[in-house]
């Protein structure tokens, strides 16, 4: 069906749906919504539905991919992104990939990925360990105290560049005992810089 035929059919259907005989058989269309009619809750619901649909589409695209392929996609992203990025708070596709990696990778694979050549992959693997297997976090963290590779991060509209070890320390959720041990191991300049 060509575009003109579709336009004609949709016009006729629209006419039939909204035809309400008035005093002189006039067509009475409902008034268009005004800005006052659309509440903040409606806007949030529309935004959330759009975001959920986007995330579901992306997750469908990732289904069936193995850990190696997901890791390659994360490495291509070239930065560690939080769940929402940019001034509009757009859902991060890097984050969706990270969530999928966390779901399909075993704790042993995640530990191995913290030694990956790409710093972004190391950071995402460590973050997944923090969420999935917190008892492994401190020993992995100790192995990375000298990882000075620079990594770019983005959370909301804030972008930072930091050392990989700083990112690990920032998200590690250490116990007071672990923090005390770490303070003894790190030079004062690093400990001070990471407070």
N, C-alpha and C. Protein backbone atom coordinates (compact mmCIF):
# COMPACT_ATOMS: atom_id res chain seq x y z
N UNK A 1 0.86 -1.18 0.00
CA UNK A 1 0.00 0.00 0.00
C UNK A 1 0.90 1.24 0.00
N UNK A 2 0.59 2.18 -0.88
CA UNK A 2 1.46 3.36 -0.93
C UNK A 2 1.08 4.36 0.16
N UNK A 3 1.92 5.37 0.32
CA UNK A 3 1.77 6.33 1.42
C UNK A 3 0.46 7.12 1.32
N UNK A 4 0.03 7.45 0.13
CA UNK A 4 -1.21 8.24 -0.03
C UNK A 4 -2.41 7.41 0.41
N UNK A 5 -2.42 6.14 0.01
CA UNK A 5 -3.54 5.27 0.39
C UNK A 5 -3.59 5.10 1.91
N UNK A 6 -2.43 4.96 2.53
CA UNK A 6 -2.38 4.83 4.00
C UNK A 6 -2.91 6.10 4.65
N UNK A 7 -2.54 7.26 4.12
CA UNK A 7 -3.01 8.53 4.65
C UNK A 7 -4.52 8.65 4.52
N UNK A 8 -5.08 8.27 3.38
CA UNK A 8 -6.53 8.35 3.16
C UNK A 8 -7.26 7.41 4.11
N UNK A 9 -6.78 6.17 4.23
CA UNK A 9 -7.44 5.20 5.11
C UNK A 9 -7.37 5.67 6.56
N UNK A 10 -6.20 6.16 6.99
CA UNK A 10 -6.10 6.61 8.38
C UNK A 10 -6.98 7.83 8.63
N UNK A 11 -7.16 8.69 7.65
CA UNK A 11 -8.04 9.85 7.80
C UNK A 11 -9.50 9.40 7.95
N UNK A 12 -9.91 8.44 7.13
CA UNK A 12 -11.28 7.93 7.20
C UNK A 12 -11.53 7.23 8.54
N UNK A 13 -10.57 6.42 8.98
CA UNK A 13 -10.70 5.74 10.27
C UNK A 13 -10.77 6.76 11.39
N UNK A 14 -9.90 7.76 11.34
CA UNK A 14 -9.91 8.81 12.36
C UNK A 14 -11.24 9.55 12.37
N UNK A 15 -11.78 9.85 11.19
CA UNK A 15 -13.07 10.52 11.08
C UNK A 15 -14.16 9.67 11.72
N UNK A 16 -14.14 8.36 11.43
CA UNK A 16 -15.17 7.47 11.95
C UNK A 16 -15.08 7.36 13.47
N UNK A 17 -13.88 7.38 14.01
CA UNK A 17 -13.71 7.25 15.46
C UNK A 17 -14.19 8.47 16.22
N UNK A 18 -13.97 9.64 15.64
CA UNK A 18 -14.28 10.87 16.38
C UNK A 18 -15.56 11.57 15.92
N UNK A 19 -16.29 11.01 14.98
CA UNK A 19 -17.51 11.64 14.51
C UNK A 19 -18.58 11.56 15.58
N UNK A 20 -19.01 12.73 15.99
CA UNK A 20 -20.12 12.82 16.94
C UNK A 20 -21.06 13.89 16.40
N UNK A 21 -22.25 13.49 16.03
CA UNK A 21 -23.14 14.49 15.45
C UNK A 21 -23.46 15.60 16.46
N UNK A 22 -23.29 16.81 16.04
CA UNK A 22 -23.63 17.95 16.87
C UNK A 22 -24.98 18.50 16.44
N UNK A 23 -25.29 19.72 16.86
CA UNK A 23 -26.58 20.30 16.51
C UNK A 23 -26.80 20.37 15.00
N UNK A 24 -25.72 20.59 14.23
CA UNK A 24 -25.88 20.67 12.77
C UNK A 24 -25.00 19.61 12.11
N UNK A 25 -24.94 18.41 12.70
CA UNK A 25 -24.10 17.33 12.20
C UNK A 25 -22.63 17.76 12.05
N UNK A 26 -22.16 18.55 12.99
CA UNK A 26 -20.76 18.96 12.98
C UNK A 26 -19.89 17.85 13.58
N UNK A 27 -18.67 17.84 13.16
CA UNK A 27 -17.72 16.90 13.75
C UNK A 27 -17.14 17.57 14.99
N UNK A 28 -17.22 16.87 16.12
CA UNK A 28 -16.70 17.41 17.37
C UNK A 28 -15.50 16.56 17.78
N UNK A 29 -14.32 17.14 17.68
CA UNK A 29 -13.11 16.45 18.08
C UNK A 29 -12.78 16.78 19.53
N UNK A 30 -12.23 15.82 20.25
CA UNK A 30 -11.83 16.14 21.62
C UNK A 30 -10.71 17.17 21.59
N UNK A 31 -10.67 18.05 22.58
CA UNK A 31 -9.61 19.07 22.58
C UNK A 31 -8.24 18.41 22.77
N UNK A 32 -7.22 18.95 22.13
CA UNK A 32 -5.88 18.39 22.34
C UNK A 32 -5.44 18.63 23.78
N UNK A 33 -4.63 17.74 24.33
CA UNK A 33 -4.19 17.95 25.70
C UNK A 33 -3.30 19.18 25.81
N UNK A 34 -3.47 19.89 26.90
CA UNK A 34 -2.62 21.06 27.14
C UNK A 34 -1.50 20.66 28.08
N UNK A 35 -0.55 21.54 28.25
CA UNK A 35 0.57 21.27 29.14
C UNK A 35 0.08 21.03 30.57
N UNK A 36 -1.00 21.70 30.95
CA UNK A 36 -1.53 21.53 32.30
C UNK A 36 -2.16 20.14 32.49
N UNK A 37 -2.64 19.52 31.38
CA UNK A 37 -3.26 18.20 31.45
C UNK A 37 -2.24 17.09 31.68
N UNK A 38 -1.00 17.32 31.25
CA UNK A 38 0.04 16.30 31.36
C UNK A 38 0.79 16.54 32.67
N UNK A 39 0.56 15.67 33.60
CA UNK A 39 1.18 15.83 34.91
C UNK A 39 2.63 15.34 34.88
N UNK A 40 3.35 15.70 35.91
CA UNK A 40 4.74 15.24 36.04
C UNK A 40 4.77 13.72 36.14
N UNK A 41 3.78 13.14 36.80
CA UNK A 41 3.71 11.68 36.93
C UNK A 41 3.52 11.03 35.56
N UNK A 42 2.66 11.66 34.70
CA UNK A 42 2.46 11.14 33.34
C UNK A 42 3.75 11.20 32.54
N UNK A 43 4.48 12.30 32.67
CA UNK A 43 5.75 12.45 31.96
C UNK A 43 6.74 11.40 32.43
N UNK A 44 6.82 11.20 33.75
CA UNK A 44 7.74 10.21 34.30
C UNK A 44 7.35 8.81 33.86
N UNK A 45 6.05 8.52 33.84
CA UNK A 45 5.58 7.20 33.40
C UNK A 45 5.95 6.96 31.94
N UNK A 46 5.78 7.97 31.10
CA UNK A 46 6.13 7.83 29.68
C UNK A 46 7.63 7.64 29.52
N UNK A 47 8.41 8.41 30.27
CA UNK A 47 9.87 8.30 30.21
C UNK A 47 10.31 6.92 30.67
N UNK A 48 9.75 6.44 31.78
CA UNK A 48 10.12 5.14 32.33
C UNK A 48 9.74 4.02 31.37
N UNK A 49 8.57 4.11 30.77
CA UNK A 49 8.14 3.09 29.80
C UNK A 49 9.09 3.06 28.61
N UNK A 50 9.49 4.23 28.14
CA UNK A 50 10.41 4.32 27.00
C UNK A 50 11.77 3.72 27.39
N UNK A 51 12.26 4.05 28.60
CA UNK A 51 13.54 3.52 29.08
C UNK A 51 13.46 2.00 29.25
N UNK A 52 12.36 1.50 29.84
CA UNK A 52 12.21 0.06 30.04
C UNK A 52 12.19 -0.67 28.70
N UNK A 53 11.51 -0.07 27.73
CA UNK A 53 11.45 -0.67 26.39
C UNK A 53 12.84 -0.71 25.76
N UNK A 54 13.58 0.38 25.90
CA UNK A 54 14.94 0.45 25.35
C UNK A 54 15.84 -0.59 26.02
N UNK A 55 15.76 -0.69 27.35
CA UNK A 55 16.58 -1.65 28.08
C UNK A 55 16.21 -3.07 27.67
N UNK A 56 14.92 -3.36 27.55
CA UNK A 56 14.48 -4.69 27.17
C UNK A 56 14.95 -5.04 25.76
N UNK A 57 14.87 -4.07 24.84
CA UNK A 57 15.36 -4.29 23.48
C UNK A 57 16.85 -4.60 23.49
N UNK A 58 17.61 -3.84 24.26
CA UNK A 58 19.04 -4.06 24.34
C UNK A 58 19.34 -5.42 24.97
N UNK A 59 18.63 -5.77 26.03
CA UNK A 59 18.84 -7.07 26.66
C UNK A 59 18.51 -8.20 25.69
N UNK A 60 17.47 -8.02 24.88
CA UNK A 60 17.13 -9.03 23.87
C UNK A 60 18.26 -9.17 22.86
N UNK A 61 18.88 -8.02 22.49
CA UNK A 61 20.00 -8.05 21.55
C UNK A 61 21.20 -8.78 22.15
N UNK A 62 21.37 -8.72 23.47
CA UNK A 62 22.52 -9.33 24.13
C UNK A 62 22.32 -10.81 24.44
N UNK A 63 21.05 -11.24 24.53
CA UNK A 63 20.77 -12.63 24.90
C UNK A 63 21.48 -13.58 23.94
N UNK A 64 22.08 -14.59 24.53
CA UNK A 64 22.77 -15.59 23.73
C UNK A 64 24.23 -15.25 23.49
N UNK A 65 24.63 -14.02 23.78
CA UNK A 65 26.03 -13.66 23.61
C UNK A 65 26.83 -14.22 24.79
N UNK A 66 28.05 -14.61 24.52
CA UNK A 66 28.88 -15.16 25.58
C UNK A 66 29.67 -14.05 26.29
N UNK A 67 30.35 -14.42 27.36
CA UNK A 67 31.09 -13.46 28.17
C UNK A 67 32.14 -12.74 27.31
N UNK A 68 32.83 -13.48 26.47
CA UNK A 68 33.89 -12.89 25.63
C UNK A 68 33.34 -11.77 24.73
N UNK A 69 32.18 -11.99 24.15
CA UNK A 69 31.58 -11.00 23.26
C UNK A 69 31.12 -9.76 24.03
N UNK A 70 30.51 -9.97 25.19
CA UNK A 70 30.07 -8.85 26.03
C UNK A 70 31.28 -8.03 26.48
N UNK A 71 32.35 -8.72 26.86
CA UNK A 71 33.58 -8.04 27.28
C UNK A 71 34.13 -7.19 26.14
N UNK A 72 34.11 -7.71 24.92
CA UNK A 72 34.59 -6.95 23.76
C UNK A 72 33.75 -5.69 23.56
N UNK A 73 32.43 -5.80 23.75
CA UNK A 73 31.56 -4.63 23.60
C UNK A 73 31.83 -3.60 24.70
N UNK A 74 32.07 -4.06 25.92
CA UNK A 74 32.40 -3.14 27.01
C UNK A 74 33.72 -2.43 26.73
N UNK A 75 34.69 -3.15 26.22
CA UNK A 75 35.99 -2.55 25.91
C UNK A 75 35.87 -1.51 24.80
N UNK A 76 34.99 -1.75 23.83
CA UNK A 76 34.76 -0.77 22.76
C UNK A 76 34.18 0.53 23.30
N UNK A 77 33.38 0.43 24.37
CA UNK A 77 32.74 1.61 24.95
C UNK A 77 33.73 2.62 25.49
N UNK A 78 34.89 2.17 25.89
CA UNK A 78 36.02 3.01 26.26
C UNK A 78 35.81 3.92 27.47
N UNK A 79 34.76 3.69 28.26
CA UNK A 79 34.62 4.39 29.53
C UNK A 79 33.65 3.63 30.42
N UNK A 80 33.78 3.85 31.71
CA UNK A 80 32.91 3.22 32.70
C UNK A 80 31.74 4.16 32.93
N UNK A 81 30.55 3.70 32.59
CA UNK A 81 29.36 4.55 32.73
C UNK A 81 28.45 4.00 33.82
N UNK A 82 27.82 4.93 34.51
CA UNK A 82 26.81 4.57 35.49
C UNK A 82 25.50 4.28 34.76
N UNK A 83 24.46 3.95 35.50
CA UNK A 83 23.20 3.56 34.89
C UNK A 83 22.61 4.68 34.01
N UNK A 84 22.76 5.92 34.40
CA UNK A 84 22.24 7.06 33.62
C UNK A 84 23.37 8.03 33.34
N UNK A 85 23.39 8.54 32.12
CA UNK A 85 24.45 9.45 31.73
C UNK A 85 23.88 10.66 31.01
N UNK A 86 24.66 11.72 31.00
CA UNK A 86 24.27 12.94 30.30
C UNK A 86 23.32 13.78 31.14
N UNK A 87 23.13 14.99 30.68
CA UNK A 87 22.28 15.94 31.42
C UNK A 87 20.82 15.48 31.46
N UNK A 88 20.41 14.68 30.45
CA UNK A 88 19.03 14.19 30.41
C UNK A 88 18.85 12.90 31.20
N UNK A 89 19.95 12.34 31.69
CA UNK A 89 19.86 11.09 32.44
C UNK A 89 19.46 9.91 31.58
N UNK A 90 20.03 9.82 30.40
CA UNK A 90 19.71 8.75 29.46
C UNK A 90 20.28 7.42 29.95
N UNK A 91 19.53 6.37 29.75
CA UNK A 91 19.99 5.03 30.11
C UNK A 91 21.25 4.70 29.33
N UNK A 92 22.29 4.26 30.03
CA UNK A 92 23.58 3.92 29.42
C UNK A 92 23.56 2.51 28.86
N UNK A 93 23.89 2.37 27.59
CA UNK A 93 23.98 1.04 26.99
C UNK A 93 25.17 0.27 27.56
N UNK A 94 26.23 1.00 27.97
CA UNK A 94 27.35 0.35 28.64
C UNK A 94 26.86 -0.30 29.93
N UNK A 95 26.01 0.40 30.64
CA UNK A 95 25.49 -0.13 31.90
C UNK A 95 24.64 -1.38 31.65
N UNK A 96 23.84 -1.37 30.61
CA UNK A 96 23.03 -2.54 30.28
C UNK A 96 23.94 -3.72 29.96
N UNK A 97 25.02 -3.46 29.22
CA UNK A 97 25.99 -4.53 28.93
C UNK A 97 26.61 -5.05 30.24
N UNK A 98 26.97 -4.11 31.13
CA UNK A 98 27.54 -4.49 32.43
C UNK A 98 26.56 -5.38 33.20
N UNK A 99 25.30 -4.98 33.25
CA UNK A 99 24.28 -5.77 33.96
C UNK A 99 24.19 -7.18 33.38
N UNK A 100 24.29 -7.28 32.06
CA UNK A 100 24.21 -8.60 31.43
C UNK A 100 25.46 -9.42 31.76
N UNK A 101 26.63 -8.78 31.74
CA UNK A 101 27.86 -9.46 32.12
C UNK A 101 27.76 -9.99 33.54
N UNK A 102 27.27 -9.15 34.44
CA UNK A 102 27.12 -9.54 35.85
C UNK A 102 26.20 -10.75 35.97
N UNK A 103 25.19 -10.80 35.13
CA UNK A 103 24.22 -11.88 35.18
C UNK A 103 24.80 -13.20 34.66
N UNK A 104 25.60 -13.16 33.59
CA UNK A 104 26.02 -14.41 32.95
C UNK A 104 27.41 -14.89 33.37
N UNK A 105 28.24 -14.00 33.91
CA UNK A 105 29.61 -14.40 34.26
C UNK A 105 29.65 -15.02 35.65
N UNK A 106 30.46 -16.05 35.79
CA UNK A 106 30.65 -16.67 37.09
C UNK A 106 31.59 -15.80 37.92
N UNK A 107 31.59 -15.97 39.25
CA UNK A 107 32.54 -15.22 40.07
C UNK A 107 34.00 -15.45 39.63
N UNK A 108 34.33 -16.67 39.23
CA UNK A 108 35.69 -16.97 38.78
C UNK A 108 36.02 -16.18 37.50
N UNK A 109 35.06 -16.10 36.59
CA UNK A 109 35.28 -15.33 35.36
C UNK A 109 35.46 -13.84 35.69
N UNK A 110 34.67 -13.34 36.63
CA UNK A 110 34.79 -11.93 37.01
C UNK A 110 36.15 -11.64 37.63
N UNK A 111 36.62 -12.54 38.49
CA UNK A 111 37.95 -12.35 39.08
C UNK A 111 39.00 -12.32 37.97
N UNK A 112 38.90 -13.25 37.02
CA UNK A 112 39.85 -13.28 35.90
C UNK A 112 39.76 -11.99 35.08
N UNK A 113 38.55 -11.47 34.90
CA UNK A 113 38.37 -10.24 34.10
C UNK A 113 38.94 -9.00 34.80
N UNK A 114 39.13 -9.07 36.11
CA UNK A 114 39.77 -7.93 36.78
C UNK A 114 41.24 -7.81 36.37
N UNK A 115 41.76 -8.81 35.67
CA UNK A 115 43.13 -8.76 35.15
C UNK A 115 43.15 -8.53 33.64
N UNK A 116 42.02 -8.18 33.06
CA UNK A 116 41.91 -7.95 31.61
C UNK A 116 42.81 -6.79 31.20
N UNK A 117 43.27 -6.77 29.95
CA UNK A 117 44.17 -5.71 29.48
C UNK A 117 43.48 -4.35 29.42
N UNK A 118 42.16 -4.34 29.30
CA UNK A 118 41.40 -3.08 29.18
C UNK A 118 40.92 -2.63 30.57
N UNK A 119 41.24 -1.40 30.95
CA UNK A 119 40.89 -0.89 32.28
C UNK A 119 39.37 -0.78 32.48
N UNK A 120 38.63 -0.48 31.42
CA UNK A 120 37.16 -0.40 31.53
C UNK A 120 36.61 -1.77 31.91
N UNK A 121 37.11 -2.80 31.26
CA UNK A 121 36.65 -4.16 31.57
C UNK A 121 37.03 -4.52 33.00
N UNK A 122 38.25 -4.17 33.43
CA UNK A 122 38.66 -4.45 34.80
C UNK A 122 37.71 -3.80 35.80
N UNK A 123 37.35 -2.54 35.53
CA UNK A 123 36.47 -1.80 36.45
C UNK A 123 35.08 -2.41 36.50
N UNK A 124 34.52 -2.74 35.34
CA UNK A 124 33.19 -3.36 35.34
C UNK A 124 33.22 -4.73 36.01
N UNK A 125 34.26 -5.51 35.79
CA UNK A 125 34.37 -6.83 36.43
C UNK A 125 34.45 -6.68 37.95
N UNK A 126 35.22 -5.70 38.40
CA UNK A 126 35.33 -5.47 39.84
C UNK A 126 33.99 -5.01 40.41
N UNK A 127 33.32 -4.14 39.70
CA UNK A 127 32.01 -3.67 40.18
C UNK A 127 31.02 -4.82 40.27
N UNK A 128 31.07 -5.72 39.30
CA UNK A 128 30.19 -6.90 39.35
C UNK A 128 30.52 -7.77 40.56
N UNK A 129 31.80 -7.89 40.87
CA UNK A 129 32.19 -8.65 42.07
C UNK A 129 31.66 -7.99 43.34
N UNK A 130 31.72 -6.68 43.39
CA UNK A 130 31.20 -5.95 44.56
C UNK A 130 29.73 -6.31 44.77
N UNK A 131 28.97 -6.38 43.67
CA UNK A 131 27.54 -6.68 43.75
C UNK A 131 27.26 -8.17 43.97
N UNK A 132 28.05 -9.01 43.32
CA UNK A 132 27.73 -10.43 43.22
C UNK A 132 28.47 -11.31 44.23
N UNK A 133 29.69 -10.96 44.55
CA UNK A 133 30.53 -11.80 45.41
C UNK A 133 31.43 -10.93 46.27
N UNK A 134 30.84 -10.21 47.25
CA UNK A 134 31.61 -9.26 48.05
C UNK A 134 32.78 -9.86 48.83
N UNK A 135 32.73 -11.16 49.12
CA UNK A 135 33.82 -11.77 49.88
C UNK A 135 35.12 -11.86 49.06
N UNK A 136 35.04 -11.71 47.77
CA UNK A 136 36.23 -11.75 46.90
C UNK A 136 36.84 -10.36 46.70
N UNK A 137 36.11 -9.32 47.05
CA UNK A 137 36.49 -7.95 46.71
C UNK A 137 37.83 -7.53 47.30
N UNK A 138 38.03 -7.76 48.59
CA UNK A 138 39.24 -7.24 49.24
C UNK A 138 40.51 -7.88 48.66
N UNK A 139 40.49 -9.18 48.44
CA UNK A 139 41.69 -9.83 47.89
C UNK A 139 42.00 -9.33 46.48
N UNK A 140 40.96 -9.11 45.68
CA UNK A 140 41.17 -8.57 44.33
C UNK A 140 41.67 -7.14 44.42
N UNK A 141 41.10 -6.36 45.32
CA UNK A 141 41.53 -4.98 45.50
C UNK A 141 43.01 -4.90 45.84
N UNK A 142 43.48 -5.77 46.73
CA UNK A 142 44.89 -5.77 47.12
C UNK A 142 45.81 -6.04 45.93
N UNK A 143 45.34 -6.81 44.97
CA UNK A 143 46.13 -7.10 43.78
C UNK A 143 46.23 -5.90 42.83
N UNK A 144 45.37 -4.92 43.04
CA UNK A 144 45.31 -3.78 42.11
C UNK A 144 45.74 -2.45 42.74
N UNK A 145 46.41 -2.51 43.86
CA UNK A 145 46.82 -1.26 44.51
C UNK A 145 47.84 -0.47 43.69
N UNK A 146 48.48 -1.10 42.75
CA UNK A 146 49.47 -0.41 41.91
C UNK A 146 48.98 -0.23 40.48
N UNK A 147 47.65 -0.42 40.25
CA UNK A 147 47.07 -0.26 38.91
C UNK A 147 46.80 1.23 38.69
N UNK A 148 47.75 1.88 38.03
CA UNK A 148 47.64 3.34 37.82
C UNK A 148 47.11 3.68 36.42
N UNK A 149 46.61 2.69 35.71
CA UNK A 149 46.02 2.94 34.39
C UNK A 149 44.87 3.92 34.55
N UNK A 150 44.85 4.93 33.70
CA UNK A 150 43.78 5.92 33.78
C UNK A 150 42.52 5.39 33.10
N UNK A 151 41.38 5.65 33.73
CA UNK A 151 40.09 5.23 33.20
C UNK A 151 39.13 6.42 33.28
N UNK A 152 38.31 6.57 32.25
CA UNK A 152 37.31 7.64 32.23
C UNK A 152 35.98 7.08 32.71
N UNK A 153 35.31 7.83 33.58
CA UNK A 153 34.01 7.41 34.10
C UNK A 153 32.97 8.49 33.81
N UNK A 154 31.71 8.08 33.77
CA UNK A 154 30.62 9.03 33.58
C UNK A 154 29.44 8.59 34.43
N UNK A 155 28.95 9.51 35.25
CA UNK A 155 27.76 9.28 36.04
C UNK A 155 26.91 10.54 35.91
N UNK A 156 25.73 10.38 35.34
CA UNK A 156 24.92 11.57 35.05
C UNK A 156 25.67 12.44 34.07
N UNK A 157 25.80 13.72 34.40
CA UNK A 157 26.54 14.63 33.51
C UNK A 157 27.96 14.87 34.01
N UNK A 158 28.40 14.09 34.99
CA UNK A 158 29.74 14.26 35.54
C UNK A 158 30.68 13.21 34.98
N UNK A 159 31.71 13.67 34.33
CA UNK A 159 32.74 12.78 33.80
C UNK A 159 34.04 13.00 34.56
N UNK A 160 34.73 11.93 34.87
CA UNK A 160 36.00 12.01 35.59
C UNK A 160 37.01 11.09 34.92
N UNK A 161 38.27 11.40 35.09
CA UNK A 161 39.34 10.50 34.71
C UNK A 161 40.12 10.21 35.98
N UNK A 162 40.33 8.93 36.27
CA UNK A 162 41.00 8.55 37.51
C UNK A 162 41.80 7.28 37.27
N UNK A 163 42.64 6.96 38.23
CA UNK A 163 43.38 5.71 38.17
C UNK A 163 42.42 4.56 38.45
N UNK A 164 42.70 3.43 37.83
CA UNK A 164 41.85 2.26 38.03
C UNK A 164 41.78 1.88 39.51
N UNK A 165 42.90 1.95 40.21
CA UNK A 165 42.89 1.62 41.64
C UNK A 165 41.98 2.57 42.42
N UNK A 166 41.91 3.82 42.02
CA UNK A 166 41.02 4.77 42.69
C UNK A 166 39.56 4.38 42.48
N UNK A 167 39.23 3.93 41.27
CA UNK A 167 37.87 3.48 41.00
C UNK A 167 37.55 2.27 41.88
N UNK A 168 38.48 1.32 41.94
CA UNK A 168 38.27 0.13 42.77
C UNK A 168 38.03 0.54 44.23
N UNK A 169 38.88 1.43 44.73
CA UNK A 169 38.75 1.87 46.13
C UNK A 169 37.43 2.61 46.37
N UNK A 170 36.99 3.35 45.37
CA UNK A 170 35.78 4.15 45.50
C UNK A 170 34.53 3.27 45.66
N UNK A 171 34.51 2.11 45.00
CA UNK A 171 33.29 1.29 45.01
C UNK A 171 33.39 0.04 45.88
N UNK A 172 34.50 -0.13 46.59
CA UNK A 172 34.80 -1.41 47.25
C UNK A 172 33.93 -1.76 48.46
N UNK A 173 33.32 -0.82 49.15
CA UNK A 173 32.51 -1.13 50.35
C UNK A 173 33.29 -1.97 51.37
N UNK A 174 34.39 -1.43 51.83
CA UNK A 174 35.26 -2.16 52.75
C UNK A 174 34.73 -2.11 54.18
N UNK A 175 35.05 -3.15 54.92
CA UNK A 175 34.74 -3.16 56.35
C UNK A 175 35.77 -2.26 57.06
N UNK A 176 35.51 -1.83 58.27
CA UNK A 176 36.50 -1.02 59.00
C UNK A 176 37.85 -1.74 59.15
N UNK A 177 37.81 -3.04 59.35
CA UNK A 177 39.07 -3.81 59.47
C UNK A 177 39.85 -3.80 58.16
N UNK A 178 39.13 -4.00 57.06
CA UNK A 178 39.79 -3.98 55.75
C UNK A 178 40.35 -2.59 55.45
N UNK A 179 39.59 -1.56 55.80
CA UNK A 179 40.05 -0.18 55.58
C UNK A 179 41.31 0.10 56.39
N UNK A 180 41.36 -0.38 57.63
CA UNK A 180 42.54 -0.19 58.48
C UNK A 180 43.76 -0.89 57.87
N UNK A 181 43.58 -2.10 57.39
CA UNK A 181 44.68 -2.84 56.75
C UNK A 181 45.15 -2.11 55.49
N UNK A 182 44.21 -1.62 54.73
CA UNK A 182 44.53 -0.88 53.51
C UNK A 182 45.32 0.39 53.83
N UNK A 183 44.91 1.09 54.87
CA UNK A 183 45.61 2.31 55.27
C UNK A 183 47.06 2.03 55.64
N UNK A 184 47.32 0.87 56.23
CA UNK A 184 48.70 0.51 56.57
C UNK A 184 49.52 0.17 55.32
N UNK A 185 48.86 -0.34 54.30
CA UNK A 185 49.56 -0.75 53.07
C UNK A 185 49.84 0.40 52.11
N UNK A 186 48.96 1.38 52.09
CA UNK A 186 49.09 2.48 51.12
C UNK A 186 49.93 3.61 51.68
N UNK A 187 50.72 4.24 50.82
CA UNK A 187 51.43 5.46 51.25
C UNK A 187 50.41 6.54 51.62
N UNK A 188 50.80 7.41 52.53
CA UNK A 188 49.89 8.48 52.99
C UNK A 188 49.36 9.33 51.84
N UNK A 189 50.18 9.58 50.83
CA UNK A 189 49.74 10.44 49.73
C UNK A 189 48.56 9.81 48.97
N UNK A 190 48.58 8.50 48.80
CA UNK A 190 47.48 7.83 48.10
C UNK A 190 46.24 7.80 49.01
N UNK A 191 46.43 7.44 50.26
CA UNK A 191 45.31 7.40 51.19
C UNK A 191 44.63 8.76 51.29
N UNK A 192 45.43 9.82 51.35
CA UNK A 192 44.88 11.17 51.46
C UNK A 192 44.11 11.53 50.18
N UNK A 193 44.68 11.20 49.04
CA UNK A 193 44.06 11.55 47.75
C UNK A 193 42.74 10.82 47.54
N UNK A 194 42.57 9.67 48.17
CA UNK A 194 41.37 8.87 47.95
C UNK A 194 40.29 9.08 48.99
N UNK A 195 40.52 9.96 49.94
CA UNK A 195 39.49 10.20 50.97
C UNK A 195 38.34 10.97 50.41
